Amino acid sequence: MKKLESRLGAFLPAQGLENTQERSQYKPTPLHRSPERGALYAEYQQGIEKRKSLYGQQDKGIVAIRGKWASKRNELEKLNIAKKNRSNLVQLARKHEAEEIAKAKLAA
């Protein structure tokens, strides 16, 4: 505390802030009032819907791939082999799953 006071001087409380009024900065009205705003928004909405449909198709394929590899991993977990070998096989299955998902994403 002494070092601060030696650098900056003694603390003086703020003066004249008691009677200030807060002003709201938010205004619900749009900033841009051009007439083509509605058409631009409609174009934006079409782009969003198109992107959602593409992601929906892609998600269905990815979900199927994940389900297939989850069942394969479950089969590997049930094998009666050494734990280290089993974990290596599961790890390899996860890598193959990731590769297949990446291929599916690139194809879409």
N, C-alpha and C. Protein backbone atom coordinates (compact mmCIF):
# COMPACT_ATOMS: atom_id res chain seq x y z
N MET A 1 0.82 -1.18 0.00
CA MET A 1 0.00 0.00 0.00
C MET A 1 0.87 1.25 0.00
N LYS A 2 1.98 1.20 0.75
CA LYS A 2 2.86 2.37 0.81
C LYS A 2 3.47 2.65 -0.54
N LYS A 3 3.84 1.60 -1.26
CA LYS A 3 4.44 1.79 -2.57
C LYS A 3 3.47 2.46 -3.52
N LEU A 4 2.19 2.05 -3.47
CA LEU A 4 1.19 2.68 -4.31
C LEU A 4 1.02 4.15 -3.97
N GLU A 5 0.96 4.46 -2.70
CA GLU A 5 0.80 5.85 -2.29
C GLU A 5 2.01 6.68 -2.66
N SER A 6 3.20 6.08 -2.62
CA SER A 6 4.39 6.83 -3.00
C SER A 6 4.42 7.07 -4.50
N ARG A 7 3.87 6.14 -5.27
CA ARG A 7 3.84 6.31 -6.73
C ARG A 7 2.73 7.25 -7.18
N LEU A 8 1.51 7.01 -6.67
CA LEU A 8 0.34 7.71 -7.18
C LEU A 8 -0.16 8.83 -6.27
N GLY A 9 0.31 8.89 -5.08
CA GLY A 9 -0.17 9.90 -4.15
C GLY A 9 -1.28 9.34 -3.29
N ALA A 10 -1.76 10.14 -2.39
CA ALA A 10 -2.81 9.71 -1.47
C ALA A 10 -4.12 9.47 -2.22
N PHE A 11 -4.92 8.54 -1.73
CA PHE A 11 -6.19 8.20 -2.38
C PHE A 11 -7.21 9.31 -2.19
N LEU A 12 -7.82 9.73 -3.28
CA LEU A 12 -8.89 10.73 -3.23
C LEU A 12 -10.15 10.08 -3.79
N PRO A 13 -11.23 10.04 -3.03
CA PRO A 13 -12.46 9.45 -3.56
C PRO A 13 -13.01 10.28 -4.72
N ALA A 14 -13.75 9.62 -5.59
CA ALA A 14 -14.32 10.29 -6.76
C ALA A 14 -15.30 11.35 -6.31
N GLN A 15 -15.31 12.46 -7.02
CA GLN A 15 -16.18 13.57 -6.64
C GLN A 15 -17.17 13.85 -7.76
N GLY A 16 -18.38 14.17 -7.41
CA GLY A 16 -19.38 14.58 -8.37
C GLY A 16 -20.09 13.42 -9.07
N LEU A 17 -19.95 12.19 -8.58
CA LEU A 17 -20.60 11.06 -9.22
C LEU A 17 -21.92 10.69 -8.57
N GLU A 18 -22.29 11.35 -7.50
CA GLU A 18 -23.49 10.98 -6.78
C GLU A 18 -24.76 11.33 -7.55
N ASN A 19 -24.78 12.40 -8.32
CA ASN A 19 -26.00 12.88 -8.96
C ASN A 19 -26.09 12.50 -10.44
N THR A 20 -25.24 11.64 -10.91
CA THR A 20 -25.30 11.27 -12.32
C THR A 20 -26.40 10.25 -12.55
N GLN A 21 -27.04 10.35 -13.71
CA GLN A 21 -28.11 9.42 -14.06
C GLN A 21 -27.59 8.47 -15.15
N GLU A 22 -27.99 7.22 -15.04
CA GLU A 22 -27.59 6.24 -16.05
C GLU A 22 -28.45 6.40 -17.29
N ARG A 23 -27.81 6.22 -18.45
CA ARG A 23 -28.54 6.26 -19.71
C ARG A 23 -28.41 4.90 -20.37
N SER A 24 -29.52 4.38 -20.82
CA SER A 24 -29.50 3.08 -21.48
C SER A 24 -28.93 3.24 -22.89
N GLN A 25 -28.05 2.33 -23.28
CA GLN A 25 -27.46 2.38 -24.61
C GLN A 25 -28.22 1.52 -25.61
N TYR A 26 -29.01 0.58 -25.14
CA TYR A 26 -29.72 -0.32 -26.03
C TYR A 26 -30.93 0.36 -26.64
N LYS A 27 -31.06 0.21 -27.95
CA LYS A 27 -32.24 0.72 -28.64
C LYS A 27 -32.80 -0.41 -29.48
N PRO A 28 -34.07 -0.77 -29.28
CA PRO A 28 -34.62 -1.92 -30.00
C PRO A 28 -34.87 -1.66 -31.48
N THR A 29 -34.80 -0.45 -31.93
CA THR A 29 -35.04 -0.18 -33.35
C THR A 29 -33.82 -0.58 -34.17
N PRO A 30 -34.04 -1.05 -35.41
CA PRO A 30 -32.91 -1.45 -36.25
C PRO A 30 -32.01 -0.27 -36.61
N LEU A 31 -30.74 -0.54 -36.73
CA LEU A 31 -29.80 0.52 -37.08
C LEU A 31 -29.87 0.84 -38.57
N HIS A 32 -30.08 -0.18 -39.40
CA HIS A 32 -30.12 0.02 -40.85
C HIS A 32 -31.56 -0.04 -41.32
N ARG A 33 -31.99 1.00 -41.97
CA ARG A 33 -33.40 1.11 -42.35
C ARG A 33 -33.58 1.10 -43.86
N SER A 34 -32.77 0.38 -44.58
CA SER A 34 -32.90 0.37 -46.04
C SER A 34 -34.13 -0.43 -46.46
N PRO A 35 -34.72 -0.10 -47.62
CA PRO A 35 -35.94 -0.81 -48.05
C PRO A 35 -35.70 -2.26 -48.44
N GLU A 36 -34.49 -2.63 -48.84
CA GLU A 36 -34.22 -4.01 -49.25
C GLU A 36 -33.86 -4.91 -48.07
N ARG A 37 -34.03 -4.43 -46.87
CA ARG A 37 -33.67 -5.20 -45.68
C ARG A 37 -34.48 -6.49 -45.58
N GLY A 38 -35.75 -6.45 -45.92
CA GLY A 38 -36.60 -7.64 -45.84
C GLY A 38 -36.16 -8.71 -46.83
N ALA A 39 -35.79 -8.30 -48.04
CA ALA A 39 -35.34 -9.26 -49.05
C ALA A 39 -34.02 -9.88 -48.62
N LEU A 40 -33.15 -9.08 -48.06
CA LEU A 40 -31.87 -9.59 -47.60
C LEU A 40 -32.05 -10.61 -46.48
N TYR A 41 -32.99 -10.34 -45.57
CA TYR A 41 -33.26 -11.27 -44.48
C TYR A 41 -33.84 -12.58 -45.01
N ALA A 42 -34.71 -12.48 -46.02
CA ALA A 42 -35.30 -13.68 -46.62
C ALA A 42 -34.21 -14.54 -47.27
N GLU A 43 -33.27 -13.88 -47.94
CA GLU A 43 -32.15 -14.61 -48.56
C GLU A 43 -31.29 -15.29 -47.49
N TYR A 44 -31.08 -14.59 -46.40
CA TYR A 44 -30.32 -15.15 -45.28
C TYR A 44 -31.02 -16.39 -44.72
N GLN A 45 -32.34 -16.31 -44.55
CA GLN A 45 -33.10 -17.43 -44.01
C GLN A 45 -33.04 -18.64 -44.94
N GLN A 46 -33.07 -18.41 -46.26
CA GLN A 46 -32.97 -19.52 -47.22
C GLN A 46 -31.62 -20.20 -47.10
N GLY A 47 -30.55 -19.42 -46.95
CA GLY A 47 -29.21 -19.98 -46.79
C GLY A 47 -29.11 -20.81 -45.52
N ILE A 48 -29.71 -20.33 -44.45
CA ILE A 48 -29.69 -21.06 -43.18
C ILE A 48 -30.43 -22.39 -43.31
N GLU A 49 -31.60 -22.37 -43.93
CA GLU A 49 -32.38 -23.60 -44.10
C GLU A 49 -31.64 -24.60 -44.97
N LYS A 50 -30.99 -24.13 -46.02
CA LYS A 50 -30.22 -25.02 -46.90
C LYS A 50 -29.08 -25.67 -46.12
N ARG A 51 -28.39 -24.89 -45.31
CA ARG A 51 -27.28 -25.41 -44.53
C ARG A 51 -27.77 -26.43 -43.48
N LYS A 52 -28.90 -26.15 -42.86
CA LYS A 52 -29.46 -27.07 -41.88
C LYS A 52 -29.82 -28.40 -42.53
N SER A 53 -30.39 -28.36 -43.72
CA SER A 53 -30.77 -29.61 -44.39
C SER A 53 -29.53 -30.41 -44.76
N LEU A 54 -28.46 -29.73 -45.21
CA LEU A 54 -27.22 -30.44 -45.53
C LEU A 54 -26.62 -31.08 -44.28
N TYR A 55 -26.62 -30.35 -43.18
CA TYR A 55 -26.09 -30.91 -41.94
C TYR A 55 -26.94 -32.06 -41.45
N GLY A 56 -28.25 -31.97 -41.65
CA GLY A 56 -29.14 -33.05 -41.23
C GLY A 56 -28.84 -34.34 -41.98
N GLN A 57 -28.63 -34.23 -43.30
CA GLN A 57 -28.29 -35.41 -44.09
C GLN A 57 -26.94 -35.97 -43.66
N GLN A 58 -26.00 -35.09 -43.44
CA GLN A 58 -24.66 -35.52 -43.05
C GLN A 58 -24.71 -36.18 -41.66
N ASP A 59 -25.50 -35.62 -40.76
CA ASP A 59 -25.60 -36.16 -39.40
C ASP A 59 -26.16 -37.58 -39.40
N LYS A 60 -27.13 -37.85 -40.29
CA LYS A 60 -27.71 -39.19 -40.33
C LYS A 60 -26.64 -40.21 -40.70
N GLY A 61 -25.80 -39.88 -41.67
CA GLY A 61 -24.73 -40.79 -42.07
C GLY A 61 -23.71 -40.98 -40.97
N ILE A 62 -23.36 -39.92 -40.29
CA ILE A 62 -22.37 -39.98 -39.21
C ILE A 62 -22.92 -40.79 -38.04
N VAL A 63 -24.20 -40.62 -37.73
CA VAL A 63 -24.81 -41.38 -36.64
C VAL A 63 -24.78 -42.87 -36.96
N ALA A 64 -25.03 -43.21 -38.23
CA ALA A 64 -24.99 -44.62 -38.63
C ALA A 64 -23.57 -45.18 -38.49
N ILE A 65 -22.59 -44.40 -38.90
CA ILE A 65 -21.19 -44.83 -38.80
C ILE A 65 -20.81 -45.03 -37.34
N ARG A 66 -21.18 -44.08 -36.49
CA ARG A 66 -20.85 -44.19 -35.06
C ARG A 66 -21.51 -45.41 -34.43
N GLY A 67 -22.75 -45.69 -34.82
CA GLY A 67 -23.44 -46.85 -34.28
C GLY A 67 -22.76 -48.15 -34.69
N LYS A 68 -22.34 -48.20 -35.96
CA LYS A 68 -21.66 -49.40 -36.45
C LYS A 68 -20.37 -49.65 -35.67
N TRP A 69 -19.59 -48.59 -35.49
CA TRP A 69 -18.31 -48.75 -34.80
C TRP A 69 -18.49 -48.96 -33.30
N ALA A 70 -19.56 -48.44 -32.74
CA ALA A 70 -19.82 -48.69 -31.31
C ALA A 70 -20.11 -50.17 -31.09
N SER A 71 -20.86 -50.77 -32.00
CA SER A 71 -21.14 -52.20 -31.85
C SER A 71 -19.86 -53.02 -32.03
N LYS A 72 -18.99 -52.60 -32.96
CA LYS A 72 -17.72 -53.31 -33.14
C LYS A 72 -16.84 -53.18 -31.89
N ARG A 73 -16.84 -51.99 -31.30
CA ARG A 73 -16.04 -51.80 -30.07
C ARG A 73 -16.58 -52.66 -28.93
N ASN A 74 -17.91 -52.75 -28.84
CA ASN A 74 -18.52 -53.61 -27.81
C ASN A 74 -18.12 -55.07 -28.00
N GLU A 75 -18.08 -55.52 -29.25
CA GLU A 75 -17.64 -56.89 -29.53
C GLU A 75 -16.19 -57.09 -29.10
N LEU A 76 -15.36 -56.08 -29.37
CA LEU A 76 -13.95 -56.18 -28.98
C LEU A 76 -13.80 -56.21 -27.46
N GLU A 77 -14.65 -55.44 -26.77
CA GLU A 77 -14.57 -55.41 -25.30
C GLU A 77 -14.92 -56.78 -24.70
N LYS A 78 -15.76 -57.54 -25.39
CA LYS A 78 -16.20 -58.83 -24.87
C LYS A 78 -15.19 -59.94 -25.14
N LEU A 79 -14.20 -59.69 -26.00
CA LEU A 79 -13.22 -60.72 -26.31
C LEU A 79 -12.42 -61.13 -25.08
N ASN A 80 -12.10 -62.40 -25.00
CA ASN A 80 -11.35 -62.92 -23.86
C ASN A 80 -9.87 -62.95 -24.21
N ILE A 81 -9.26 -61.75 -24.27
CA ILE A 81 -7.83 -61.63 -24.56
C ILE A 81 -7.21 -60.71 -23.52
N ALA A 82 -5.89 -60.57 -23.59
CA ALA A 82 -5.20 -59.71 -22.63
C ALA A 82 -5.73 -58.28 -22.71
N LYS A 83 -5.79 -57.64 -21.58
CA LYS A 83 -6.36 -56.29 -21.49
C LYS A 83 -5.62 -55.31 -22.39
N LYS A 84 -4.31 -55.39 -22.43
CA LYS A 84 -3.51 -54.49 -23.25
C LYS A 84 -3.83 -54.68 -24.73
N ASN A 85 -3.93 -55.94 -25.18
CA ASN A 85 -4.26 -56.20 -26.58
C ASN A 85 -5.67 -55.72 -26.91
N ARG A 86 -6.60 -55.94 -25.98
CA ARG A 86 -7.98 -55.51 -26.19
C ARG A 86 -8.05 -53.99 -26.30
N SER A 87 -7.33 -53.27 -25.43
CA SER A 87 -7.36 -51.80 -25.49
C SER A 87 -6.71 -51.30 -26.77
N ASN A 88 -5.67 -51.99 -27.26
CA ASN A 88 -5.07 -51.60 -28.53
C ASN A 88 -6.04 -51.79 -29.69
N LEU A 89 -6.81 -52.87 -29.66
CA LEU A 89 -7.81 -53.11 -30.70
C LEU A 89 -8.92 -52.07 -30.67
N VAL A 90 -9.35 -51.71 -29.47
CA VAL A 90 -10.39 -50.68 -29.34
C VAL A 90 -9.87 -49.34 -29.84
N GLN A 91 -8.63 -49.04 -29.53
CA GLN A 91 -8.02 -47.80 -29.99
C GLN A 91 -7.94 -47.78 -31.53
N LEU A 92 -7.57 -48.89 -32.11
CA LEU A 92 -7.50 -49.00 -33.56
C LEU A 92 -8.89 -48.85 -34.18
N ALA A 93 -9.90 -49.40 -33.53
CA ALA A 93 -11.27 -49.26 -34.02
C ALA A 93 -11.70 -47.80 -33.98
N ARG A 94 -11.31 -47.08 -32.95
CA ARG A 94 -11.65 -45.64 -32.87
C ARG A 94 -10.98 -44.86 -34.00
N LYS A 95 -9.74 -45.22 -34.33
CA LYS A 95 -9.05 -44.54 -35.43
C LYS A 95 -9.77 -44.81 -36.75
N HIS A 96 -10.18 -46.06 -36.97
CA HIS A 96 -10.90 -46.39 -38.19
C HIS A 96 -12.24 -45.65 -38.25
N GLU A 97 -12.89 -45.53 -37.10
CA GLU A 97 -14.15 -44.79 -37.05
C GLU A 97 -13.92 -43.33 -37.43
N ALA A 98 -12.87 -42.72 -36.89
CA ALA A 98 -12.57 -41.32 -37.20
C ALA A 98 -12.27 -41.15 -38.69
N GLU A 99 -11.55 -42.09 -39.27
CA GLU A 99 -11.26 -42.02 -40.70
C GLU A 99 -12.53 -42.10 -41.53
N GLU A 100 -13.42 -43.02 -41.16
CA GLU A 100 -14.65 -43.19 -41.90
C GLU A 100 -15.54 -41.95 -41.79
N ILE A 101 -15.58 -41.33 -40.60
CA ILE A 101 -16.36 -40.11 -40.42
C ILE A 101 -15.77 -38.98 -41.26
N ALA A 102 -14.44 -38.88 -41.28
CA ALA A 102 -13.80 -37.83 -42.08
C ALA A 102 -14.12 -38.02 -43.56
N LYS A 103 -14.10 -39.27 -44.05
CA LYS A 103 -14.44 -39.54 -45.45
C LYS A 103 -15.87 -39.15 -45.75
N ALA A 104 -16.77 -39.46 -44.81
CA ALA A 104 -18.17 -39.11 -45.00
C ALA A 104 -18.38 -37.60 -45.06
N LYS A 105 -17.65 -36.87 -44.21
CA LYS A 105 -17.76 -35.41 -44.23
C LYS A 105 -17.23 -34.82 -45.51
N LEU A 106 -16.14 -35.40 -46.03
CA LEU A 106 -15.57 -34.90 -47.28
C LEU A 106 -16.47 -35.20 -48.47
N ALA A 107 -17.13 -36.35 -48.44
CA ALA A 107 -18.01 -36.74 -49.55
C ALA A 107 -19.26 -35.87 -49.60
N ALA A 108 -19.70 -35.38 -48.46
CA ALA A 108 -20.94 -34.59 -48.43
C ALA A 108 -20.74 -33.18 -48.84
